[in-house]
Amino acid sequence: MKLALAISFLFVFGLSAADRTVDPTFLHRNLAIAQAEKSDLSTSTCHYKPLFGEGDGNRSVVVGVARFGEAIIDPNGACAAVQYPQEDQVYVVLKGSGSVKYGNADVPLTKEDYIYLPRTVSHTLSNSSSAPLNVIVMGFRTKGFKDAPIPQKPLKANIEEVRTQPVSGHPASALYRLLMGDLDSKRDRIAAGRVLTSLFLMEIAPGGTNFPHHHQREEEIYLVLDGHGDMIAGGGTDGIEGRHPAKSGDAYFFRLNCTVGYYSAAGVKSRILAVRSWYPGMVKIGMEH
């Protein structure tokens, strides 16, 4: 009897160990090869490519970020209207022009516009032009965060309107456009985030870097818009930096404490859209910059 129990014990726990999977410290996707999946946005003329979070296969790894992907709206097409009671969103236009219905208002959108969409506002993307409209869709889980006043008008700006500047603690070879910060931000063009702590664009000089680093309380995503170089994601053989060749369209999600950074190739200027957001529960520990 004891032998049978021991065999049963070994079988059950051996099987459990064999079936276990180890969550990665970072995820890599690419816009060019990502496939459209049915989503809340989807219509016959609106196609959503999930990169991280909702719709992607590694949803358990991405915790505070609800979704990050690309919506492609056909000429004269439109997405379905959406509203998420426990999710703030941000749209960033990669190319094309169109509009977003923000409640009852139609807000025009053009290349590199970005807009904050609070959880209480219904919104719909549409495209009345003759070319596709490509929009990055970001969503952040707000459960457990205090409510914030709803902006009296849509909070929208354009990336090119935001000046470049150095940021303390980072090399001069990386300049930043500080697009959106949290509600208390004094330095970002828009101060609106409850879960989002920083939306920014990095312009990294040829052969330059933003230098590898990590964040103890925030998840982070990098999307290479232009250029190529080496993405730093996790530790390499030296335990410090793992280098991965990166090009336009590559997107990386970084878990807490994952080493993150970027080296632009010699002779190549790189532009990277990046966003950081609180990991649930971590905001109470203190602020991180």
Protein backbone atom coordinates (compact mmCIF):
# COMPACT_ATOMS: atom_id res chain seq x y z
CA MET A 1 0.00 0.00 0.00
CA LYS A 2 2.80 2.42 0.95
CA LEU A 3 4.64 1.61 -2.29
CA ALA A 4 1.49 2.32 -4.32
CA LEU A 5 1.04 5.68 -2.58
CA ALA A 6 4.68 6.59 -3.17
CA ILE A 7 4.40 5.73 -6.88
CA SER A 8 1.16 7.72 -7.10
CA PHE A 9 2.83 10.68 -5.34
CA LEU A 10 5.80 10.63 -7.69
CA PHE A 11 3.58 10.31 -10.75
CA VAL A 12 1.34 13.23 -9.79
CA PHE A 13 4.12 15.61 -8.78
CA GLY A 14 6.41 14.51 -11.60
CA LEU A 15 3.63 15.18 -14.09
CA SER A 16 2.92 18.59 -12.57
CA ALA A 17 6.58 19.55 -12.86
CA ALA A 18 6.72 18.36 -16.45
CA ASP A 19 3.62 20.40 -17.33
CA ARG A 20 4.86 23.59 -15.73
CA THR A 21 5.91 26.49 -17.91
CA VAL A 22 8.23 29.34 -16.96
CA ASP A 23 6.93 32.82 -17.69
CA PRO A 24 9.35 34.91 -19.77
CA THR A 25 10.76 38.18 -18.45
CA PHE A 26 10.03 39.90 -21.76
CA LEU A 27 7.91 39.36 -24.88
CA HIS A 28 8.79 40.22 -28.48
CA ARG A 29 6.33 40.87 -31.32
CA ASN A 30 6.52 42.55 -34.73
CA LEU A 31 3.80 44.61 -36.42
CA ALA A 32 4.62 43.26 -39.88
CA ILE A 33 3.99 39.62 -38.97
CA ALA A 34 1.31 40.02 -36.28
CA GLN A 35 -2.03 38.59 -37.39
CA ALA A 36 -5.40 40.29 -37.04
CA GLU A 37 -7.70 38.68 -34.47
CA LYS A 38 -11.36 39.23 -33.70
CA SER A 39 -11.72 41.81 -30.94
CA ASP A 40 -14.18 44.30 -29.45
CA LEU A 41 -13.05 46.79 -32.12
CA SER A 42 -13.43 44.44 -35.07
CA THR A 43 -15.79 45.06 -37.98
CA SER A 44 -15.53 44.15 -41.65
CA THR A 45 -13.48 47.35 -42.12
CA CYS A 46 -11.59 47.47 -38.81
CA HIS A 47 -8.87 44.91 -38.09
CA TYR A 48 -7.03 44.55 -34.78
CA LYS A 49 -3.56 43.02 -34.41
CA PRO A 50 -2.90 42.17 -30.76
CA LEU A 51 0.72 42.44 -29.66
CA PHE A 52 0.45 42.22 -25.86
CA GLY A 53 -2.41 41.60 -23.46
CA GLU A 54 -5.94 40.94 -24.71
CA GLY A 55 -5.92 38.74 -27.81
CA ASP A 56 -2.29 37.63 -27.42
CA GLY A 57 -1.21 34.16 -26.34
CA ASN A 58 0.86 35.32 -23.33
CA ARG A 59 -1.82 37.26 -21.49
CA SER A 60 -0.77 35.95 -18.06
CA VAL A 61 2.62 37.67 -18.37
CA VAL A 62 1.07 41.10 -19.01
CA VAL A 63 -0.71 42.20 -15.84
CA GLY A 64 -1.43 45.93 -15.59
CA VAL A 65 -1.50 46.49 -19.35
CA ALA A 66 -4.88 45.32 -20.61
CA ARG A 67 -4.02 45.52 -24.30
CA PHE A 68 -1.45 46.86 -26.74
CA GLY A 69 -1.92 46.39 -30.46
CA GLU A 70 -2.58 47.98 -33.84
CA ALA A 71 -5.97 48.84 -35.28
CA ILE A 72 -6.07 49.15 -39.08
CA ILE A 73 -9.15 50.90 -40.45
CA ASP A 74 -9.85 50.53 -44.15
CA PRO A 75 -10.62 53.58 -46.33
CA ASN A 76 -14.14 54.81 -45.45
CA GLY A 77 -14.29 52.20 -42.68
CA ALA A 78 -14.98 52.30 -38.95
CA CYS A 79 -14.41 50.24 -35.82
CA ALA A 80 -17.06 49.16 -33.37
CA ALA A 81 -17.84 51.56 -30.51
CA VAL A 82 -16.15 50.51 -27.27
CA GLN A 83 -16.12 51.55 -23.63
CA TYR A 84 -14.25 49.76 -20.86
CA PRO A 85 -15.50 50.50 -17.31
CA GLN A 86 -12.17 49.45 -15.75
CA GLU A 87 -9.69 50.51 -18.42
CA ASP A 88 -8.17 53.81 -19.55
CA GLN A 89 -6.94 53.90 -23.13
CA VAL A 90 -4.54 55.86 -25.32
CA TYR A 91 -4.57 55.96 -29.12
CA VAL A 92 -1.46 56.90 -31.14
CA VAL A 93 -1.79 57.37 -34.91
CA LEU A 94 1.06 55.73 -36.82
CA LYS A 95 -0.12 56.80 -40.27
CA GLY A 96 -3.18 58.01 -42.12
CA SER A 97 -5.94 60.31 -40.94
CA GLY A 98 -9.44 59.90 -39.61
CA SER A 99 -11.32 60.67 -36.41
CA VAL A 100 -12.39 59.27 -33.09
CA LYS A 101 -15.87 59.82 -31.71
CA TYR A 102 -15.25 60.83 -28.10
CA GLY A 103 -18.66 60.61 -26.47
CA ASN A 104 -20.70 62.89 -28.73
CA ALA A 105 -17.74 64.78 -30.19
CA ASP A 106 -15.86 63.94 -33.39
CA VAL A 107 -12.14 64.53 -32.84
CA PRO A 108 -9.98 64.65 -36.01
CA LEU A 109 -6.83 62.53 -36.03
CA THR A 110 -3.76 62.71 -38.23
CA LYS A 111 -0.32 61.09 -38.27
CA GLU A 112 1.38 61.03 -34.85
CA ASP A 113 -1.60 62.47 -33.00
CA TYR A 114 -2.24 60.83 -29.64
CA ILE A 115 -5.30 61.04 -27.40
CA TYR A 116 -6.26 59.97 -23.87
CA LEU A 117 -9.54 58.06 -23.51
CA PRO A 118 -10.84 57.73 -19.92
CA ARG A 119 -12.81 54.66 -18.90
CA THR A 120 -16.17 56.44 -18.77
CA VAL A 121 -16.11 57.66 -22.38
CA SER A 122 -17.42 55.61 -25.29
CA HIS A 123 -15.21 55.94 -28.37
CA THR A 124 -15.15 54.87 -32.02
CA LEU A 125 -12.37 55.07 -34.62
CA SER A 126 -13.35 55.90 -38.19
CA ASN A 127 -11.59 56.66 -41.46
CA SER A 128 -13.16 58.87 -44.13
CA SER A 129 -9.99 59.05 -46.24
CA SER A 130 -8.86 57.01 -49.24
CA ALA A 131 -5.88 55.44 -47.41
CA PRO A 132 -5.73 53.07 -44.41
CA LEU A 133 -5.62 54.50 -40.90
CA ASN A 134 -3.15 52.75 -38.55
CA VAL A 135 -3.53 53.36 -34.83
CA ILE A 136 -1.73 51.91 -31.81
CA VAL A 137 -4.29 51.00 -29.14
CA MET A 138 -3.14 50.92 -25.51
CA GLY A 139 -5.28 49.95 -22.54
CA PHE A 140 -4.46 50.03 -18.81
CA ARG A 141 -6.41 48.30 -16.05
CA THR A 142 -7.85 50.82 -13.58
CA LYS A 143 -9.36 48.44 -11.01
CA GLY A 144 -8.14 49.47 -7.55
CA PHE A 145 -7.14 52.97 -8.67
CA LYS A 146 -8.98 56.04 -7.47
CA ASP A 147 -11.35 57.74 -9.87
CA ALA A 148 -10.13 60.93 -11.46
CA PRO A 149 -12.13 63.89 -12.81
CA ILE A 150 -13.17 63.38 -16.43
CA PRO A 151 -11.51 65.97 -18.69
CA GLN A 152 -13.95 68.61 -19.91
CA LYS A 153 -12.62 68.19 -23.44
CA PRO A 154 -10.59 65.50 -25.23
CA LEU A 155 -6.89 65.53 -24.31
CA LYS A 156 -5.05 65.31 -27.62
CA ALA A 157 -1.68 66.45 -28.96
CA ASN A 158 0.78 65.64 -31.73
CA ILE A 159 4.17 64.05 -31.16
CA GLU A 160 6.01 66.58 -33.36
CA GLU A 161 4.56 69.45 -31.32
CA VAL A 162 6.30 68.19 -28.18
CA ARG A 163 9.89 69.43 -27.87
CA THR A 164 12.83 67.08 -27.50
CA GLN A 165 14.81 67.23 -24.28
CA PRO A 166 17.36 65.24 -22.29
CA VAL A 167 16.19 63.34 -19.22
CA SER A 168 18.24 63.14 -16.05
CA GLY A 169 20.05 59.83 -15.62
CA HIS A 170 20.13 59.02 -19.34
CA PRO A 171 22.92 59.73 -21.87
CA ALA A 172 22.83 62.83 -24.07
CA SER A 173 22.59 60.55 -27.12
CA ALA A 174 18.91 59.96 -26.27
CA LEU A 175 16.44 62.84 -26.46
CA TYR A 176 12.87 62.52 -25.23
CA ARG A 177 9.49 63.88 -26.23
CA LEU A 178 7.46 63.63 -22.99
CA LEU A 179 3.98 63.03 -24.34
CA MET A 180 1.85 62.01 -21.36
CA GLY A 181 2.37 61.49 -17.66
CA ASP A 182 0.31 60.82 -14.58
CA LEU A 183 -2.21 63.24 -13.10
CA ASP A 184 0.46 65.09 -11.11
CA SER A 185 2.93 65.48 -13.97
CA LYS A 186 4.39 68.95 -14.55
CA ARG A 187 6.78 68.05 -17.37
CA ASP A 188 4.63 66.07 -19.85
CA ARG A 189 2.44 67.66 -22.54
CA ILE A 190 -0.63 65.85 -21.16
CA ALA A 191 -1.08 64.92 -17.49
CA ALA A 192 -3.85 62.33 -17.39
CA GLY A 193 -2.66 58.84 -16.50
CA ARG A 194 -3.87 56.94 -13.48
CA VAL A 195 -2.14 53.66 -14.36
CA LEU A 196 0.00 55.07 -17.17
CA THR A 197 3.02 56.82 -15.68
CA SER A 198 4.87 57.90 -18.83
CA LEU A 199 4.21 57.87 -22.57
CA PHE A 200 7.21 59.18 -24.47
CA LEU A 201 9.11 59.08 -27.73
CA MET A 202 12.87 58.54 -27.72
CA GLU A 203 15.09 59.84 -30.50
CA ILE A 204 18.40 58.01 -30.21
CA ALA A 205 21.38 59.33 -32.14
CA PRO A 206 23.42 57.10 -34.49
CA GLY A 207 25.50 54.79 -32.32
CA GLY A 208 23.75 56.20 -29.23
CA THR A 209 21.84 54.60 -26.38
CA ASN A 210 19.34 55.32 -23.62
CA PHE A 211 21.48 52.95 -21.51
CA PRO A 212 20.23 49.65 -20.02
CA HIS A 213 18.21 50.00 -16.81
CA HIS A 214 15.18 48.47 -15.11
CA HIS A 215 12.01 49.47 -13.27
CA GLN A 216 11.00 47.86 -10.00
CA ARG A 217 7.31 48.80 -10.03
CA GLU A 218 6.33 49.35 -13.65
CA GLU A 219 5.69 47.38 -16.82
CA GLU A 220 7.13 48.91 -19.99
CA ILE A 221 6.68 48.57 -23.75
CA TYR A 222 9.00 49.73 -26.54
CA LEU A 223 7.87 49.97 -30.18
CA VAL A 224 10.55 50.80 -32.78
CA LEU A 225 9.05 53.31 -35.21
CA ASP A 226 12.18 54.06 -37.27
CA GLY A 227 15.76 52.88 -37.44
CA HIS A 228 17.42 49.71 -36.24
CA GLY A 229 19.91 48.57 -33.64
CA ASP A 230 20.06 46.28 -30.60
CA MET A 231 17.20 46.00 -28.13
CA ILE A 232 18.28 45.20 -24.58
CA ALA A 233 15.85 42.75 -22.99
CA GLY A 234 16.78 40.68 -19.96
CA GLY A 235 20.24 39.53 -18.98
CA GLY A 236 22.82 38.19 -21.40
CA THR A 237 25.63 35.72 -20.75
CA ASP A 238 27.22 38.34 -18.51
CA GLY A 239 24.00 38.60 -16.50
CA ILE A 240 23.71 42.28 -17.38
CA GLU A 241 22.29 42.87 -20.86
CA GLY A 242 20.86 40.57 -23.47
CA ARG A 243 21.13 42.08 -26.97
CA HIS A 244 18.53 41.37 -29.65
CA PRO A 245 18.65 42.80 -33.19
CA ALA A 246 15.71 45.18 -33.57
CA LYS A 247 14.17 47.01 -36.51
CA SER A 248 11.15 49.14 -37.34
CA GLY A 249 7.95 47.38 -36.23
CA ASP A 250 9.59 45.40 -33.41
CA ALA A 251 7.77 45.68 -30.09
CA TYR A 252 8.98 44.50 -26.69
CA PHE A 253 7.09 44.11 -23.43
CA PHE A 254 9.23 44.18 -20.25
CA ARG A 255 8.13 42.72 -16.93
CA LEU A 256 9.13 44.21 -13.58
CA ASN A 257 12.90 44.35 -13.06
CA CYS A 258 13.65 43.16 -16.59
CA THR A 259 16.71 44.91 -18.00
CA VAL A 260 15.58 47.27 -20.78
CA GLY A 261 17.50 49.54 -23.13
CA TYR A 262 18.42 50.21 -26.74
CA TYR A 263 21.55 50.85 -28.84
CA SER A 264 21.01 52.52 -32.20
CA ALA A 265 23.16 51.20 -35.03
CA ALA A 266 26.11 53.25 -36.27
CA GLY A 267 24.95 55.81 -38.83
CA VAL A 268 21.27 55.25 -37.94
CA LYS A 269 18.94 57.44 -35.90
CA SER A 270 16.20 55.46 -34.15
CA ARG A 271 12.78 56.58 -32.94
CA ILE A 272 11.07 54.50 -30.26
CA LEU A 273 7.57 54.93 -28.84
CA ALA A 274 7.57 53.82 -25.22
CA VAL A 275 5.04 53.57 -22.40
CA ARG A 276 5.39 52.72 -18.72
CA SER A 277 2.54 51.86 -16.37
CA TRP A 278 2.06 50.75 -12.79
CA TYR A 279 2.05 47.07 -11.96
CA PRO A 280 -1.13 46.53 -9.86
CA GLY A 281 -0.47 47.18 -6.17
CA MET A 282 2.97 48.71 -6.69
CA VAL A 283 1.80 52.33 -6.85
CA LYS A 284 1.23 52.32 -3.08
CA ILE A 285 4.91 51.65 -2.42
CA GLY A 286 6.03 54.98 -3.82
CA MET A 287 6.64 56.92 -6.97
CA GLU A 288 9.26 55.85 -9.51
CA HIS A 289 10.75 58.11 -12.19
